């Protein structure tokens, strides 16, 4: 079993700006990502529930695993999006089980 040390970039963003985050990931050259739609929770901008009347009021959770250099590039490009439109971005150390 071989483990690789990687970085995990996680983003919670409203669906209105999901495409912008995906464009950042794609243009950064990530090999893949996962999206979980209709994420509910509470943050500094209030509570988001799954029963919102419009898609634009719902959140999505996106994550990708990549090397440290790429992760830093991604987070530096996502930071202005989060500052302007809200949401959250997290960066953590992970170990990837190579297959």
PDB file of N, CA and C in Angstrom:
ATOM      1  N   UNK A   1       0.853  -1.177   0.000  1.00  0.00           N
ATOM      2  CA  UNK A   1       0.000   0.000   0.000  1.00  0.00           C
ATOM      3  C   UNK A   1       0.896   1.236   0.000  1.00  0.00           C
ATOM      4  N   UNK A   2       0.657   2.103  -0.969  1.00  0.00           N
ATOM      5  CA  UNK A   2       1.449   3.325  -1.088  1.00  0.00           C
ATOM      6  C   UNK A   2       0.562   4.531  -0.817  1.00  0.00           C
ATOM      7  N   UNK A   3       1.032   5.394   0.087  1.00  0.00           N
ATOM      8  CA  UNK A   3       0.314   6.626   0.400  1.00  0.00           C
ATOM      9  C   UNK A   3       1.095   7.813  -0.129  1.00  0.00           C
ATOM     10  N   UNK A   4       0.377   8.778  -0.703  1.00  0.00           N
ATOM     11  CA  UNK A   4       0.999  10.008  -1.190  1.00  0.00           C
ATOM     12  C   UNK A   4       0.484  11.172  -0.363  1.00  0.00           C
ATOM     13  N   UNK A   5       1.372  12.031   0.078  1.00  0.00           N
ATOM     14  CA  UNK A   5       0.975  13.224   0.822  1.00  0.00           C
ATOM     15  C   UNK A   5       0.471  14.271  -0.175  1.00  0.00           C
ATOM     16  N   UNK A   6      -0.748  14.726   0.055  1.00  0.00           N
ATOM     17  CA  UNK A   6      -1.389  15.676  -0.847  1.00  0.00           C
ATOM     18  C   UNK A   6      -2.075  16.770  -0.022  1.00  0.00           C
ATOM     19  N   UNK A   7      -2.692  17.707  -0.712  1.00  0.00           N
ATOM     20  CA  UNK A   7      -3.507  18.746  -0.092  1.00  0.00           C
ATOM     21  C   UNK A   7      -4.945  18.555  -0.552  1.00  0.00           C
ATOM     22  N   UNK A   8      -5.868  18.834   0.345  1.00  0.00           N
ATOM     23  CA  UNK A   8      -7.293  18.788   0.020  1.00  0.00           C
ATOM     24  C   UNK A   8      -7.815  20.217   0.063  1.00  0.00           C
ATOM     25  N   UNK A   9      -8.399  20.647  -1.042  1.00  0.00           N
ATOM     26  CA  UNK A   9      -9.018  21.970  -1.131  1.00  0.00           C
ATOM     27  C   UNK A   9     -10.524  21.751  -1.095  1.00  0.00           C
ATOM     28  N   UNK A  10     -11.186  22.374  -0.129  1.00  0.00           N
ATOM     29  CA  UNK A  10     -12.635  22.248   0.019  1.00  0.00           C
ATOM     30  C   UNK A  10     -13.259  23.637  -0.093  1.00  0.00           C
ATOM     31  N   UNK A  11     -14.345  23.728  -0.836  1.00  0.00           N
ATOM     32  CA  UNK A  11     -15.020  25.011  -1.040  1.00  0.00           C
ATOM     33  C   UNK A  11     -16.514  24.813  -0.850  1.00  0.00           C
ATOM     34  N   UNK A  12     -17.123  25.709  -0.081  1.00  0.00           N
ATOM     35  CA  UNK A  12     -18.576  25.790   0.010  1.00  0.00           C
ATOM     36  C   UNK A  12     -18.947  27.133  -0.603  1.00  0.00           C
ATOM     37  N   UNK A  13     -19.808  27.109  -1.606  1.00  0.00           N
ATOM     38  CA  UNK A  13     -20.165  28.324  -2.346  1.00  0.00           C
ATOM     39  C   UNK A  13     -21.617  28.221  -2.791  1.00  0.00           C
ATOM     40  N   UNK A  14     -22.262  29.367  -2.930  1.00  0.00           N
ATOM     41  CA  UNK A  14     -23.640  29.321  -3.424  1.00  0.00           C
ATOM     42  C   UNK A  14     -23.639  28.890  -4.884  1.00  0.00           C
ATOM     43  N   UNK A  15     -24.727  28.266  -5.289  1.00  0.00           N
ATOM     44  CA  UNK A  15     -24.804  27.700  -6.639  1.00  0.00           C
ATOM     45  C   UNK A  15     -24.624  28.733  -7.736  1.00  0.00           C
ATOM     46  N   UNK A  16     -24.942  29.981  -7.451  1.00  0.00           N
ATOM     47  CA  UNK A  16     -24.770  31.045  -8.450  1.00  0.00           C
ATOM     48  C   UNK A  16     -23.312  31.171  -8.873  1.00  0.00           C
ATOM     49  N   UNK A  17     -22.378  30.901  -7.960  1.00  0.00           N
ATOM     50  CA  UNK A  17     -20.957  31.079  -8.242  1.00  0.00           C
ATOM     51  C   UNK A  17     -20.196  29.758  -8.359  1.00  0.00           C
ATOM     52  N   UNK A  18     -20.921  28.658  -8.403  1.00  0.00           N
ATOM     53  CA  UNK A  18     -20.299  27.346  -8.535  1.00  0.00           C
ATOM     54  C   UNK A  18     -19.482  27.249  -9.817  1.00  0.00           C
ATOM     55  N   UNK A  19     -20.020  27.722 -10.928  1.00  0.00           N
ATOM     56  CA  UNK A  19     -19.315  27.634 -12.209  1.00  0.00           C
ATOM     57  C   UNK A  19     -17.967  28.364 -12.144  1.00  0.00           C
ATOM     58  N   UNK A  20     -17.909  29.497 -11.447  1.00  0.00           N
ATOM     59  CA  UNK A  20     -16.659  30.241 -11.314  1.00  0.00           C
ATOM     60  C   UNK A  20     -15.607  29.413 -10.581  1.00  0.00           C
ATOM     61  N   UNK A  21     -15.998  28.742  -9.507  1.00  0.00           N
ATOM     62  CA  UNK A  21     -15.068  27.882  -8.772  1.00  0.00           C
ATOM     63  C   UNK A  21     -14.609  26.728  -9.655  1.00  0.00           C
ATOM     64  N   UNK A  22     -15.519  26.134 -10.397  1.00  0.00           N
ATOM     65  CA  UNK A  22     -15.146  25.029 -11.288  1.00  0.00           C
ATOM     66  C   UNK A  22     -14.193  25.492 -12.382  1.00  0.00           C
ATOM     67  N   UNK A  23     -14.386  26.691 -12.898  1.00  0.00           N
ATOM     68  CA  UNK A  23     -13.462  27.236 -13.902  1.00  0.00           C
ATOM     69  C   UNK A  23     -12.064  27.402 -13.320  1.00  0.00           C
ATOM     70  N   UNK A  24     -11.992  27.846 -12.062  1.00  0.00           N
ATOM     71  CA  UNK A  24     -10.693  27.989 -11.396  1.00  0.00           C
ATOM     72  C   UNK A  24     -10.022  26.620 -11.263  1.00  0.00           C
ATOM     73  N   UNK A  25     -10.776  25.615 -10.835  1.00  0.00           N
ATOM     74  CA  UNK A  25     -10.212  24.270 -10.695  1.00  0.00           C
ATOM     75  C   UNK A  25      -9.744  23.729 -12.040  1.00  0.00           C
ATOM     76  N   UNK A  26     -10.589  23.859 -13.052  1.00  0.00           N
ATOM     77  CA  UNK A  26     -10.249  23.326 -14.385  1.00  0.00           C
ATOM     78  C   UNK A  26      -9.024  24.032 -14.967  1.00  0.00           C
ATOM     79  N   UNK A  27      -8.980  25.354 -14.852  1.00  0.00           N
ATOM     80  CA  UNK A  27      -7.845  26.091 -15.415  1.00  0.00           C
ATOM     81  C   UNK A  27      -6.566  25.871 -14.610  1.00  0.00           C
ATOM     82  N   UNK A  28      -6.705  25.376 -13.377  1.00  0.00           N
ATOM     83  CA  UNK A  28      -5.531  25.061 -12.562  1.00  0.00           C
ATOM     84  C   UNK A  28      -4.975  23.679 -12.884  1.00  0.00           C
ATOM     85  N   UNK A  29      -5.719  22.912 -13.688  1.00  0.00           N
ATOM     86  CA  UNK A  29      -5.242  21.617 -14.125  1.00  0.00           C
ATOM     87  C   UNK A  29      -5.481  20.478 -13.150  1.00  0.00           C
ATOM     88  N   UNK A  30      -6.455  20.610 -12.249  1.00  0.00           N
ATOM     89  CA  UNK A  30      -6.738  19.482 -11.355  1.00  0.00           C
ATOM     90  C   UNK A  30      -7.249  18.304 -12.180  1.00  0.00           C
ATOM     91  N   UNK A  31      -6.965  17.115 -11.710  1.00  0.00           N
ATOM     92  CA  UNK A  31      -7.362  15.930 -12.471  1.00  0.00           C
ATOM     93  C   UNK A  31      -8.790  15.499 -12.192  1.00  0.00           C
ATOM     94  N   UNK A  32      -9.405  16.055 -11.144  1.00  0.00           N
ATOM     95  CA  UNK A  32     -10.782  15.713 -10.827  1.00  0.00           C
ATOM     96  C   UNK A  32     -11.258  16.462  -9.598  1.00  0.00           C
ATOM     97  N   UNK A  33     -12.543  16.429  -9.381  1.00  0.00           N
ATOM     98  CA  UNK A  33     -13.137  17.051  -8.206  1.00  0.00           C
ATOM     99  C   UNK A  33     -14.478  16.390  -7.949  1.00  0.00           C
ATOM    100  N   UNK A  34     -15.013  16.619  -6.759  1.00  0.00           N
ATOM    101  CA  UNK A  34     -16.311  16.095  -6.367  1.00  0.00           C
ATOM    102  C   UNK A  34     -17.195  17.261  -5.954  1.00  0.00           C
ATOM    103  N   UNK A  35     -18.471  17.209  -6.369  1.00  0.00           N
ATOM    104  CA  UNK A  35     -19.451  18.233  -6.008  1.00  0.00           C
ATOM    105  C   UNK A  35     -20.587  17.557  -5.256  1.00  0.00           C
ATOM    106  N   UNK A  36     -20.945  18.130  -4.128  1.00  0.00           N
ATOM    107  CA  UNK A  36     -22.129  17.697  -3.386  1.00  0.00           C
ATOM    108  C   UNK A  36     -23.057  18.909  -3.346  1.00  0.00           C
ATOM    109  N   UNK A  37     -24.237  18.749  -3.923  1.00  0.00           N
ATOM    110  CA  UNK A  37     -25.180  19.865  -4.030  1.00  0.00           C
ATOM    111  C   UNK A  37     -26.106  19.927  -2.824  1.00  0.00           C
ATOM    112  N   UNK A  38     -26.742  21.087  -2.669  1.00  0.00           N
ATOM    113  CA  UNK A  38     -27.729  21.337  -1.619  1.00  0.00           C
ATOM    114  C   UNK A  38     -27.162  21.108  -0.224  1.00  0.00           C
ATOM    115  N   UNK A  39     -25.995  21.694   0.030  1.00  0.00           N
ATOM    116  CA  UNK A  39     -25.364  21.600   1.338  1.00  0.00           C
ATOM    117  C   UNK A  39     -26.067  22.569   2.279  1.00  0.00           C
ATOM    118  N   UNK A  40     -26.406  22.094   3.464  1.00  0.00           N
ATOM    119  CA  UNK A  40     -27.061  22.962   4.434  1.00  0.00           C
ATOM    120  C   UNK A  40     -26.112  23.245   5.589  1.00  0.00           C
ATOM    121  N   UNK A  41     -26.321  24.381   6.245  1.00  0.00           N
ATOM    122  CA  UNK A  41     -25.470  24.718   7.377  1.00  0.00           C
ATOM    123  C   UNK A  41     -25.674  26.153   7.813  1.00  0.00           C
ATOM    124  N   UNK A  42     -24.851  26.559   8.764  1.00  0.00           N
ATOM    125  CA  UNK A  42     -24.943  27.907   9.315  1.00  0.00           C
ATOM    126  C   UNK A  42     -23.554  28.513   9.356  1.00  0.00           C
ATOM    127  N   UNK A  43     -23.465  29.761   8.962  1.00  0.00           N
ATOM    128  CA  UNK A  43     -22.196  30.471   8.971  1.00  0.00           C
ATOM    129  C   UNK A  43     -22.397  31.919   9.325  1.00  0.00           C
ATOM    130  N   UNK A  44     -21.377  32.737   9.061  1.00  0.00           N
ATOM    131  CA  UNK A  44     -21.457  34.154   9.422  1.00  0.00           C
ATOM    132  C   UNK A  44     -22.472  34.928   8.590  1.00  0.00           C
ATOM    133  N   UNK A  45     -22.958  34.348   7.526  1.00  0.00           N
ATOM    134  CA  UNK A  45     -23.979  35.010   6.707  1.00  0.00           C
ATOM    135  C   UNK A  45     -25.370  34.417   6.927  1.00  0.00           C
ATOM    136  N   UNK A  46     -25.510  33.585   7.960  1.00  0.00           N
ATOM    137  CA  UNK A  46     -26.818  33.041   8.292  1.00  0.00           C
ATOM    138  C   UNK A  46     -26.919  31.556   8.023  1.00  0.00           C
ATOM    139  N   UNK A  47     -28.152  31.063   8.066  1.00  0.00           N
ATOM    140  CA  UNK A  47     -28.440  29.647   7.882  1.00  0.00           C
ATOM    141  C   UNK A  47     -28.913  29.382   6.461  1.00  0.00           C
ATOM    142  N   UNK A  48     -28.419  28.304   5.872  1.00  0.00           N
ATOM    143  CA  UNK A  48     -28.857  27.882   4.544  1.00  0.00           C
ATOM    144  C   UNK A  48     -29.524  26.519   4.706  1.00  0.00           C
ATOM    145  N   UNK A  49     -30.761  26.432   4.269  1.00  0.00           N
ATOM    146  CA  UNK A  49     -31.528  25.191   4.374  1.00  0.00           C
ATOM    147  C   UNK A  49     -31.717  24.586   2.991  1.00  0.00           C
ATOM    148  N   UNK A  50     -32.068  23.320   2.932  1.00  0.00           N
ATOM    149  CA  UNK A  50     -32.252  22.629   1.656  1.00  0.00           C
ATOM    150  C   UNK A  50     -33.566  22.995   0.982  1.00  0.00           C
ATOM    151  N   UNK A  51     -34.474  23.636   1.706  1.00  0.00           N
ATOM    152  CA  UNK A  51     -35.788  23.928   1.135  1.00  0.00           C
ATOM    153  C   UNK A  51     -35.896  25.353   0.588  1.00  0.00           C
ATOM    154  N   UNK A  52     -34.783  25.940   0.223  1.00  0.00           N
ATOM    155  CA  UNK A  52     -34.790  27.283  -0.351  1.00  0.00           C
ATOM    156  C   UNK A  52     -35.582  27.275  -1.657  1.00  0.00           C
ATOM    157  N   UNK A  53     -36.336  28.347  -1.933  1.00  0.00           N
ATOM    158  CA  UNK A  53     -37.187  28.366  -3.125  1.00  0.00           C
ATOM    159  C   UNK A  53     -36.429  28.465  -4.442  1.00  0.00           C
ATOM    160  N   UNK A  54     -35.200  28.945  -4.397  1.00  0.00           N
ATOM    161  CA  UNK A  54     -34.438  29.150  -5.627  1.00  0.00           C
ATOM    162  C   UNK A  54     -33.088  28.462  -5.525  1.00  0.00           C
ATOM    163  N   UNK A  55     -32.597  27.959  -6.646  1.00  0.00           N
ATOM    164  CA  UNK A  55     -31.278  27.326  -6.687  1.00  0.00           C
ATOM    165  C   UNK A  55     -30.179  28.300  -6.281  1.00  0.00           C
ATOM    166  N   UNK A  56     -30.376  29.591  -6.559  1.00  0.00           N
ATOM    167  CA  UNK A  56     -29.332  30.561  -6.263  1.00  0.00           C
ATOM    168  C   UNK A  56     -29.129  30.781  -4.770  1.00  0.00           C
ATOM    169  N   UNK A  57     -30.057  30.330  -3.937  1.00  0.00           N
ATOM    170  CA  UNK A  57     -29.906  30.455  -2.492  1.00  0.00           C
ATOM    171  C   UNK A  57     -29.360  29.178  -1.861  1.00  0.00           C
ATOM    172  N   UNK A  58     -29.087  28.164  -2.671  1.00  0.00           N
ATOM    173  CA  UNK A  58     -28.559  26.902  -2.168  1.00  0.00           C
ATOM    174  C   UNK A  58     -27.041  26.877  -2.318  1.00  0.00           C
ATOM    175  N   UNK A  59     -26.382  26.064  -1.501  1.00  0.00           N
ATOM    176  CA  UNK A  59     -24.931  25.941  -1.533  1.00  0.00           C
ATOM    177  C   UNK A  59     -24.505  24.596  -2.105  1.00  0.00           C
ATOM    178  N   UNK A  60     -23.288  24.577  -2.628  1.00  0.00           N
ATOM    179  CA  UNK A  60     -22.649  23.333  -3.049  1.00  0.00           C
ATOM    180  C   UNK A  60     -21.306  23.221  -2.357  1.00  0.00           C
ATOM    181  N   UNK A  61     -20.865  21.986  -2.165  1.00  0.00           N
ATOM    182  CA  UNK A  61     -19.573  21.671  -1.561  1.00  0.00           C
ATOM    183  C   UNK A  61     -18.735  21.009  -2.646  1.00  0.00           C
ATOM    184  N   UNK A  62     -17.544  21.530  -2.869  1.00  0.00           N
ATOM    185  CA  UNK A  62     -16.644  21.010  -3.891  1.00  0.00           C
ATOM    186  C   UNK A  62     -15.320  20.679  -3.221  1.00  0.00           C
ATOM    187  N   UNK A  63     -14.739  19.530  -3.557  1.00  0.00           N
ATOM    188  CA  UNK A  63     -13.391  19.283  -3.066  1.00  0.00           C
ATOM    189  C   UNK A  63     -12.549  18.617  -4.131  1.00  0.00           C
ATOM    190  N   UNK A  64     -11.254  18.841  -4.012  1.00  0.00           N
ATOM    191  CA  UNK A  64     -10.283  18.221  -4.896  1.00  0.00           C
ATOM    192  C   UNK A  64      -9.035  17.909  -4.091  1.00  0.00           C
ATOM    193  N   UNK A  65      -8.251  16.973  -4.575  1.00  0.00           N
ATOM    194  CA  UNK A  65      -6.981  16.596  -3.965  1.00  0.00           C
ATOM    195  C   UNK A  65      -5.891  16.892  -4.990  1.00  0.00           C
ATOM    196  N   UNK A  66      -4.823  17.564  -4.540  1.00  0.00           N
ATOM    197  CA  UNK A  66      -3.752  17.926  -5.471  1.00  0.00           C
ATOM    198  C   UNK A  66      -2.453  18.147  -4.702  1.00  0.00           C
ATOM    199  N   UNK A  67      -1.389  18.450  -5.428  1.00  0.00           N
ATOM    200  CA  UNK A  67      -0.112  18.730  -4.774  1.00  0.00           C
ATOM    201  C   UNK A  67      -0.153  20.117  -4.137  1.00  0.00           C
ATOM    202  N   UNK A  68       0.806  20.380  -3.276  1.00  0.00           N
ATOM    203  CA  UNK A  68       0.811  21.618  -2.493  1.00  0.00           C
ATOM    204  C   UNK A  68       0.891  22.874  -3.361  1.00  0.00           C
ATOM    205  N   UNK A  69       1.723  22.857  -4.371  1.00  0.00           N
ATOM    206  CA  UNK A  69       1.880  24.035  -5.240  1.00  0.00           C
ATOM    207  C   UNK A  69       0.558  24.388  -5.935  1.00  0.00           C
ATOM    208  N   UNK A  70      -0.118  23.394  -6.470  1.00  0.00           N
ATOM    209  CA  UNK A  70      -1.394  23.605  -7.147  1.00  0.00           C
ATOM    210  C   UNK A  70      -2.457  24.088  -6.148  1.00  0.00           C
ATOM    211  N   UNK A  71      -2.453  23.505  -4.949  1.00  0.00           N
ATOM    212  CA  UNK A  71      -3.420  23.892  -3.913  1.00  0.00           C
ATOM    213  C   UNK A  71      -3.262  25.361  -3.539  1.00  0.00           C
ATOM    214  N   UNK A  72      -2.030  25.805  -3.389  1.00  0.00           N
ATOM    215  CA  UNK A  72      -1.790  27.216  -3.062  1.00  0.00           C
ATOM    216  C   UNK A  72      -2.257  28.123  -4.195  1.00  0.00           C
ATOM    217  N   UNK A  73      -2.031  27.711  -5.425  1.00  0.00           N
ATOM    218  CA  UNK A  73      -2.495  28.483  -6.578  1.00  0.00           C
ATOM    219  C   UNK A  73      -4.024  28.569  -6.596  1.00  0.00           C
ATOM    220  N   UNK A  74      -4.682  27.436  -6.357  1.00  0.00           N
ATOM    221  CA  UNK A  74      -6.144  27.397  -6.354  1.00  0.00           C
ATOM    222  C   UNK A  74      -6.702  28.297  -5.255  1.00  0.00           C
ATOM    223  N   UNK A  75      -6.181  28.143  -4.036  1.00  0.00           N
ATOM    224  CA  UNK A  75      -6.730  28.930  -2.923  1.00  0.00           C
ATOM    225  C   UNK A  75      -6.481  30.423  -3.106  1.00  0.00           C
ATOM    226  N   UNK A  76      -5.375  30.802  -3.705  1.00  0.00           N
ATOM    227  CA  UNK A  76      -5.132  32.234  -3.936  1.00  0.00           C
ATOM    228  C   UNK A  76      -6.112  32.805  -4.966  1.00  0.00           C
ATOM    229  N   UNK A  77      -6.569  31.973  -5.899  1.00  0.00           N
ATOM    230  CA  UNK A  77      -7.542  32.425  -6.904  1.00  0.00           C
ATOM    231  C   UNK A  77      -8.974  32.362  -6.383  1.00  0.00           C
ATOM    232  N   UNK A  78      -9.239  31.467  -5.429  1.00  0.00           N
ATOM    233  CA  UNK A  78     -10.583  31.358  -4.865  1.00  0.00           C
ATOM    234  C   UNK A  78     -10.818  32.408  -3.777  1.00  0.00           C
ATOM    235  N   UNK A  79      -9.774  32.839  -3.097  1.00  0.00           N
ATOM    236  CA  UNK A  79      -9.912  33.807  -1.993  1.00  0.00           C
ATOM    237  C   UNK A  79     -10.712  35.049  -2.381  1.00  0.00           C
ATOM    238  N   UNK A  80     -10.439  35.702  -3.529  1.00  0.00           N
ATOM    239  CA  UNK A  80     -11.228  36.883  -3.887  1.00  0.00           C
ATOM    240  C   UNK A  80     -12.701  36.562  -4.139  1.00  0.00           C
ATOM    241  N   UNK A  81     -12.990  35.375  -4.631  1.00  0.00           N
ATOM    242  CA  UNK A  81     -14.374  34.957  -4.873  1.00  0.00           C
ATOM    243  C   UNK A  81     -15.106  34.840  -3.539  1.00  0.00           C
ATOM    244  N   UNK A  82     -14.470  34.210  -2.563  1.00  0.00           N
ATOM    245  CA  UNK A  82     -15.062  34.039  -1.233  1.00  0.00           C
ATOM    246  C   UNK A  82     -15.256  35.398  -0.562  1.00  0.00           C
ATOM    247  N   UNK A  83     -14.261  36.271  -0.674  1.00  0.00           N
ATOM    248  CA  UNK A  83     -14.381  37.612  -0.066  1.00  0.00           C
ATOM    249  C   UNK A  83     -15.543  38.390  -0.677  1.00  0.00           C
ATOM    250  N   UNK A  84     -15.716  38.265  -1.976  1.00  0.00           N
ATOM    251  CA  UNK A  84     -16.741  39.050  -2.663  1.00  0.00           C
ATOM    252  C   UNK A  84     -18.145  38.461  -2.514  1.00  0.00           C
ATOM    253  N   UNK A  85     -18.258  37.131  -2.648  1.00  0.00           N
ATOM    254  CA  UNK A  85     -19.586  36.513  -2.714  1.00  0.00           C
ATOM    255  C   UNK A  85     -19.956  35.674  -1.486  1.00  0.00           C
ATOM    256  N   UNK A  86     -19.016  35.468  -0.584  1.00  0.00           N
ATOM    257  CA  UNK A  86     -19.275  34.623   0.578  1.00  0.00           C
ATOM    258  C   UNK A  86     -18.919  33.180   0.279  1.00  0.00           C
ATOM    259  N   UNK A  87     -19.050  32.357   1.290  1.00  0.00           N
ATOM    260  CA  UNK A  87     -18.684  30.963   1.174  1.00  0.00           C
ATOM    261  C   UNK A  87     -17.524  30.659   2.088  1.00  0.00           C
ATOM    262  N   UNK A  88     -16.894  29.545   1.874  1.00  0.00           N
ATOM    263  CA  UNK A  88     -15.756  29.133   2.696  1.00  0.00           C
ATOM    264  C   UNK A  88     -14.806  28.287   1.864  1.00  0.00           C
ATOM    265  N   UNK A  89     -13.534  28.368   2.203  1.00  0.00           N
ATOM    266  CA  UNK A  89     -12.514  27.561   1.532  1.00  0.00           C
ATOM    267  C   UNK A  89     -11.573  27.023   2.602  1.00  0.00           C
ATOM    268  N   UNK A  90     -11.275  25.730   2.527  1.00  0.00           N
ATOM    269  CA  UNK A  90     -10.415  25.075   3.505  1.00  0.00           C
ATOM    270  C   UNK A  90      -9.298  24.336   2.788  1.00  0.00           C
ATOM    271  N   UNK A  91      -8.143  24.322   3.402  1.00  0.00           N
ATOM    272  CA  UNK A  91      -6.979  23.617   2.866  1.00  0.00           C
ATOM    273  C   UNK A  91      -6.438  22.728   3.975  1.00  0.00           C
ATOM    274  N   UNK A  92      -6.277  21.449   3.683  1.00  0.00           N
ATOM    275  CA  UNK A  92      -5.781  20.533   4.705  1.00  0.00           C
ATOM    276  C   UNK A  92      -4.836  19.504   4.104  1.00  0.00           C
ATOM    277  N   UNK A  93      -4.043  18.903   4.985  1.00  0.00           N
ATOM    278  CA  UNK A  93      -3.139  17.834   4.589  1.00  0.00           C
ATOM    279  C   UNK A  93      -3.897  16.517   4.578  1.00  0.00           C
ATOM    280  N   UNK A  94      -3.686  15.728   3.554  1.00  0.00           N
ATOM    281  CA  UNK A  94      -4.307  14.398   3.465  1.00  0.00           C
ATOM    282  C   UNK A  94      -3.274  13.404   2.941  1.00  0.00           C
ATOM    283  N   UNK A  95      -3.581  12.140   3.118  1.00  0.00           N
ATOM    284  CA  UNK A  95      -2.805  11.083   2.502  1.00  0.00           C
ATOM    285  C   UNK A  95      -3.708  10.329   1.555  1.00  0.00           C
ATOM    286  N   UNK A  96      -3.273  10.192   0.322  1.00  0.00           N
ATOM    287  CA  UNK A  96      -4.049   9.542  -0.729  1.00  0.00           C
ATOM    288  C   UNK A  96      -3.556   8.116  -0.891  1.00  0.00           C
ATOM    289  N   UNK A  97      -4.460   7.180  -0.798  1.00  0.00           N
ATOM    290  CA  UNK A  97      -4.129   5.788  -1.028  1.00  0.00           C
ATOM    291  C   UNK A  97      -4.029   5.570  -2.534  1.00  0.00           C
ATOM    292  N   UNK A  98      -2.823   5.414  -3.016  1.00  0.00           N
ATOM    293  CA  UNK A  98      -2.582   5.255  -4.457  1.00  0.00           C
ATOM    294  C   UNK A  98      -3.160   3.932  -4.938  1.00  0.00           C
ATOM    295  N   UNK A  99      -3.713   3.957  -6.136  1.00  0.00           N
ATOM    296  CA  UNK A  99      -4.243   2.720  -6.716  1.00  0.00           C
ATOM    297  C   UNK A  99      -3.648   2.470  -8.073  1.00  0.00           C
TER     298      UNK A  99
END
